[in-house]
Amino acid sequence: EKDEPGKEVRVTYRELLELTCRLGNTLKRQGVKQGDRVTIYMPPCPLAVASMLACARIGAVHAVVFAGFSAESLADRIQD
């Protein structure tokens, strides 16, 4: 669901799988490999879910940070 009531995005399992595979392949093309650390900074949405699944699929350790953090707090979380 989006922030506004009544606004939602529906995704099928097949669409989620296809998006996850595309994101996983994009991450691999960018040099992300098993054991690498990835920070996902996105609002809660289907793309964020697919990003988490893509990282898990290629074996990259991921941390999720949602909006609302200052630049310093965000940097601390990424370094942690």
N, C-alpha and C. Protein backbone atom coordinates (compact mmCIF):
# COMPACT_ATOMS: atom_id res chain seq x y z
N GLU A 1 0.83 -1.18 0.00
CA GLU A 1 0.00 0.00 0.00
C GLU A 1 0.87 1.25 0.00
N LYS A 2 0.37 2.26 -0.63
CA LYS A 2 1.08 3.53 -0.65
C LYS A 2 0.62 4.38 0.53
N ASP A 3 1.22 5.55 0.68
CA ASP A 3 0.88 6.42 1.80
C ASP A 3 -0.56 6.89 1.77
N GLU A 4 -1.10 7.08 0.59
CA GLU A 4 -2.48 7.55 0.47
C GLU A 4 -3.45 6.38 0.56
N PRO A 5 -4.50 6.49 1.37
CA PRO A 5 -5.47 5.40 1.46
C PRO A 5 -6.09 5.11 0.10
N GLY A 6 -6.29 3.83 -0.16
CA GLY A 6 -6.90 3.43 -1.42
C GLY A 6 -5.92 3.30 -2.58
N LYS A 7 -4.68 3.71 -2.39
CA LYS A 7 -3.66 3.59 -3.44
C LYS A 7 -2.80 2.36 -3.12
N GLU A 8 -2.92 1.38 -3.93
CA GLU A 8 -2.12 0.17 -3.71
C GLU A 8 -1.61 -0.36 -5.03
N VAL A 9 -0.55 -1.13 -4.96
CA VAL A 9 0.03 -1.76 -6.13
C VAL A 9 -0.05 -3.26 -5.91
N ARG A 10 -0.59 -3.96 -6.86
CA ARG A 10 -0.69 -5.42 -6.76
C ARG A 10 0.33 -6.05 -7.70
N VAL A 11 1.04 -7.02 -7.17
CA VAL A 11 2.08 -7.71 -7.94
C VAL A 11 1.84 -9.21 -7.79
N THR A 12 1.87 -9.93 -8.88
CA THR A 12 1.74 -11.38 -8.81
C THR A 12 3.08 -12.00 -8.42
N TYR A 13 3.05 -13.25 -8.00
CA TYR A 13 4.30 -13.93 -7.68
C TYR A 13 5.20 -14.00 -8.92
N ARG A 14 4.61 -14.21 -10.06
CA ARG A 14 5.41 -14.29 -11.30
C ARG A 14 6.08 -12.95 -11.58
N GLU A 15 5.34 -11.84 -11.45
CA GLU A 15 5.93 -10.52 -11.67
C GLU A 15 7.04 -10.24 -10.67
N LEU A 16 6.83 -10.66 -9.42
CA LEU A 16 7.86 -10.46 -8.40
C LEU A 16 9.10 -11.28 -8.71
N LEU A 17 8.92 -12.50 -9.17
CA LEU A 17 10.06 -13.34 -9.54
C LEU A 17 10.83 -12.73 -10.71
N GLU A 18 10.11 -12.28 -11.73
CA GLU A 18 10.78 -11.67 -12.89
C GLU A 18 11.55 -10.41 -12.49
N LEU A 19 10.95 -9.58 -11.67
CA LEU A 19 11.61 -8.36 -11.21
C LEU A 19 12.83 -8.70 -10.36
N THR A 20 12.69 -9.71 -9.50
CA THR A 20 13.80 -10.14 -8.65
C THR A 20 14.97 -10.64 -9.48
N CYS A 21 14.68 -11.44 -10.50
CA CYS A 21 15.74 -11.96 -11.37
C CYS A 21 16.43 -10.84 -12.14
N ARG A 22 15.65 -9.89 -12.65
CA ARG A 22 16.24 -8.76 -13.38
C ARG A 22 17.13 -7.94 -12.46
N LEU A 23 16.67 -7.67 -11.24
CA LEU A 23 17.48 -6.90 -10.30
C LEU A 23 18.74 -7.67 -9.90
N GLY A 24 18.61 -8.97 -9.69
CA GLY A 24 19.77 -9.79 -9.36
C GLY A 24 20.82 -9.75 -10.45
N ASN A 25 20.37 -9.87 -11.70
CA ASN A 25 21.30 -9.80 -12.84
C ASN A 25 21.93 -8.42 -12.95
N THR A 26 21.16 -7.37 -12.68
CA THR A 26 21.71 -6.02 -12.71
C THR A 26 22.77 -5.84 -11.63
N LEU A 27 22.50 -6.35 -10.44
CA LEU A 27 23.49 -6.25 -9.36
C LEU A 27 24.77 -7.00 -9.74
N LYS A 28 24.62 -8.19 -10.32
CA LYS A 28 25.81 -8.95 -10.73
C LYS A 28 26.60 -8.22 -11.80
N ARG A 29 25.90 -7.59 -12.75
CA ARG A 29 26.60 -6.82 -13.79
C ARG A 29 27.35 -5.62 -13.19
N GLN A 30 26.85 -5.12 -12.08
CA GLN A 30 27.50 -4.00 -11.40
C GLN A 30 28.64 -4.46 -10.48
N GLY A 31 28.87 -5.78 -10.44
CA GLY A 31 29.99 -6.30 -9.68
C GLY A 31 29.65 -6.81 -8.29
N VAL A 32 28.38 -6.84 -7.93
CA VAL A 32 27.98 -7.36 -6.62
C VAL A 32 28.03 -8.88 -6.69
N LYS A 33 28.68 -9.48 -5.70
CA LYS A 33 28.80 -10.94 -5.69
C LYS A 33 28.50 -11.49 -4.30
N GLN A 34 28.51 -12.79 -4.20
CA GLN A 34 28.19 -13.45 -2.94
C GLN A 34 29.10 -12.93 -1.83
N GLY A 35 28.50 -12.59 -0.70
CA GLY A 35 29.26 -12.10 0.45
C GLY A 35 29.41 -10.59 0.49
N ASP A 36 29.12 -9.89 -0.61
CA ASP A 36 29.18 -8.43 -0.61
C ASP A 36 28.06 -7.87 0.26
N ARG A 37 28.26 -6.65 0.73
CA ARG A 37 27.25 -5.98 1.55
C ARG A 37 26.56 -4.91 0.72
N VAL A 38 25.23 -4.90 0.78
CA VAL A 38 24.42 -3.96 0.03
C VAL A 38 23.46 -3.27 0.99
N THR A 39 23.34 -1.96 0.87
CA THR A 39 22.34 -1.22 1.64
C THR A 39 21.24 -0.78 0.69
N ILE A 40 20.02 -1.09 1.04
CA ILE A 40 18.86 -0.73 0.22
C ILE A 40 18.18 0.44 0.90
N TYR A 41 18.15 1.59 0.23
CA TYR A 41 17.54 2.81 0.76
C TYR A 41 16.37 3.16 -0.13
N MET A 42 15.21 2.65 0.22
CA MET A 42 14.00 2.83 -0.60
C MET A 42 12.79 2.90 0.33
N PRO A 43 11.71 3.51 -0.16
CA PRO A 43 10.47 3.44 0.61
C PRO A 43 9.89 2.03 0.50
N PRO A 44 9.02 1.65 1.42
CA PRO A 44 8.40 0.33 1.32
C PRO A 44 7.54 0.24 0.04
N CYS A 45 7.92 -0.65 -0.84
CA CYS A 45 7.21 -0.82 -2.11
C CYS A 45 7.62 -2.18 -2.70
N PRO A 46 6.93 -2.63 -3.73
CA PRO A 46 7.29 -3.92 -4.34
C PRO A 46 8.73 -3.95 -4.84
N LEU A 47 9.25 -2.84 -5.33
CA LEU A 47 10.63 -2.80 -5.79
C LEU A 47 11.62 -3.03 -4.64
N ALA A 48 11.30 -2.52 -3.46
CA ALA A 48 12.16 -2.76 -2.30
C ALA A 48 12.16 -4.24 -1.93
N VAL A 49 11.00 -4.87 -1.97
CA VAL A 49 10.91 -6.30 -1.67
C VAL A 49 11.72 -7.09 -2.69
N ALA A 50 11.57 -6.76 -3.97
CA ALA A 50 12.32 -7.45 -5.02
C ALA A 50 13.83 -7.23 -4.84
N SER A 51 14.23 -6.05 -4.39
CA SER A 51 15.65 -5.76 -4.16
C SER A 51 16.21 -6.64 -3.06
N MET A 52 15.44 -6.80 -1.98
CA MET A 52 15.88 -7.67 -0.88
C MET A 52 15.99 -9.12 -1.36
N LEU A 53 15.00 -9.57 -2.11
CA LEU A 53 15.03 -10.93 -2.62
C LEU A 53 16.17 -11.14 -3.61
N ALA A 54 16.47 -10.13 -4.42
CA ALA A 54 17.57 -10.23 -5.38
C ALA A 54 18.90 -10.38 -4.66
N CYS A 55 19.08 -9.60 -3.60
CA CYS A 55 20.32 -9.71 -2.83
C CYS A 55 20.45 -11.10 -2.22
N ALA A 56 19.36 -11.59 -1.64
CA ALA A 56 19.38 -12.93 -1.05
C ALA A 56 19.65 -13.99 -2.12
N ARG A 57 19.09 -13.79 -3.29
CA ARG A 57 19.24 -14.75 -4.39
C ARG A 57 20.68 -14.88 -4.84
N ILE A 58 21.44 -13.77 -4.86
CA ILE A 58 22.84 -13.84 -5.31
C ILE A 58 23.80 -14.01 -4.13
N GLY A 59 23.27 -14.04 -2.91
CA GLY A 59 24.11 -14.28 -1.74
C GLY A 59 24.76 -13.03 -1.17
N ALA A 60 24.25 -11.87 -1.52
CA ALA A 60 24.77 -10.61 -0.97
C ALA A 60 24.05 -10.30 0.34
N VAL A 61 24.80 -9.91 1.33
CA VAL A 61 24.22 -9.52 2.61
C VAL A 61 23.60 -8.14 2.42
N HIS A 62 22.36 -7.97 2.86
CA HIS A 62 21.72 -6.68 2.64
C HIS A 62 21.13 -6.12 3.93
N ALA A 63 21.11 -4.81 3.98
CA ALA A 63 20.48 -4.08 5.09
C ALA A 63 19.47 -3.12 4.45
N VAL A 64 18.34 -2.97 5.09
CA VAL A 64 17.29 -2.11 4.57
C VAL A 64 17.18 -0.87 5.46
N VAL A 65 17.22 0.29 4.82
CA VAL A 65 17.07 1.56 5.53
C VAL A 65 15.94 2.32 4.84
N PHE A 66 14.90 2.62 5.59
CA PHE A 66 13.81 3.38 5.03
C PHE A 66 14.04 4.86 5.26
N ALA A 67 13.32 5.69 4.57
CA ALA A 67 13.50 7.15 4.63
C ALA A 67 13.30 7.67 6.05
N GLY A 68 13.78 8.88 6.28
CA GLY A 68 13.58 9.53 7.56
C GLY A 68 14.86 9.66 8.38
N PHE A 69 15.98 9.24 7.85
CA PHE A 69 17.25 9.35 8.57
C PHE A 69 18.06 10.53 8.05
N SER A 70 18.81 11.14 8.94
CA SER A 70 19.71 12.21 8.51
C SER A 70 20.86 11.59 7.74
N ALA A 71 21.63 12.41 7.06
CA ALA A 71 22.78 11.92 6.29
C ALA A 71 23.77 11.20 7.20
N GLU A 72 23.99 11.74 8.38
CA GLU A 72 24.93 11.12 9.32
C GLU A 72 24.42 9.76 9.80
N SER A 73 23.13 9.71 10.14
CA SER A 73 22.55 8.44 10.59
C SER A 73 22.58 7.40 9.48
N LEU A 74 22.31 7.84 8.28
CA LEU A 74 22.36 6.92 7.15
C LEU A 74 23.77 6.39 6.95
N ALA A 75 24.77 7.28 7.03
CA ALA A 75 26.17 6.86 6.87
C ALA A 75 26.56 5.86 7.96
N ASP A 76 26.11 6.09 9.19
CA ASP A 76 26.40 5.17 10.30
C ASP A 76 25.81 3.80 10.04
N ARG A 77 24.58 3.77 9.55
CA ARG A 77 23.91 2.49 9.28
C ARG A 77 24.61 1.75 8.14
N ILE A 78 25.04 2.46 7.11
CA ILE A 78 25.73 1.82 6.00
C ILE A 78 27.06 1.25 6.47
N GLN A 79 27.78 1.98 7.30
CA GLN A 79 29.07 1.49 7.80
C GLN A 79 28.89 0.30 8.74
N ASP A 80 27.83 0.31 9.53
CA ASP A 80 27.56 -0.83 10.42
C ASP A 80 27.27 -2.07 9.62
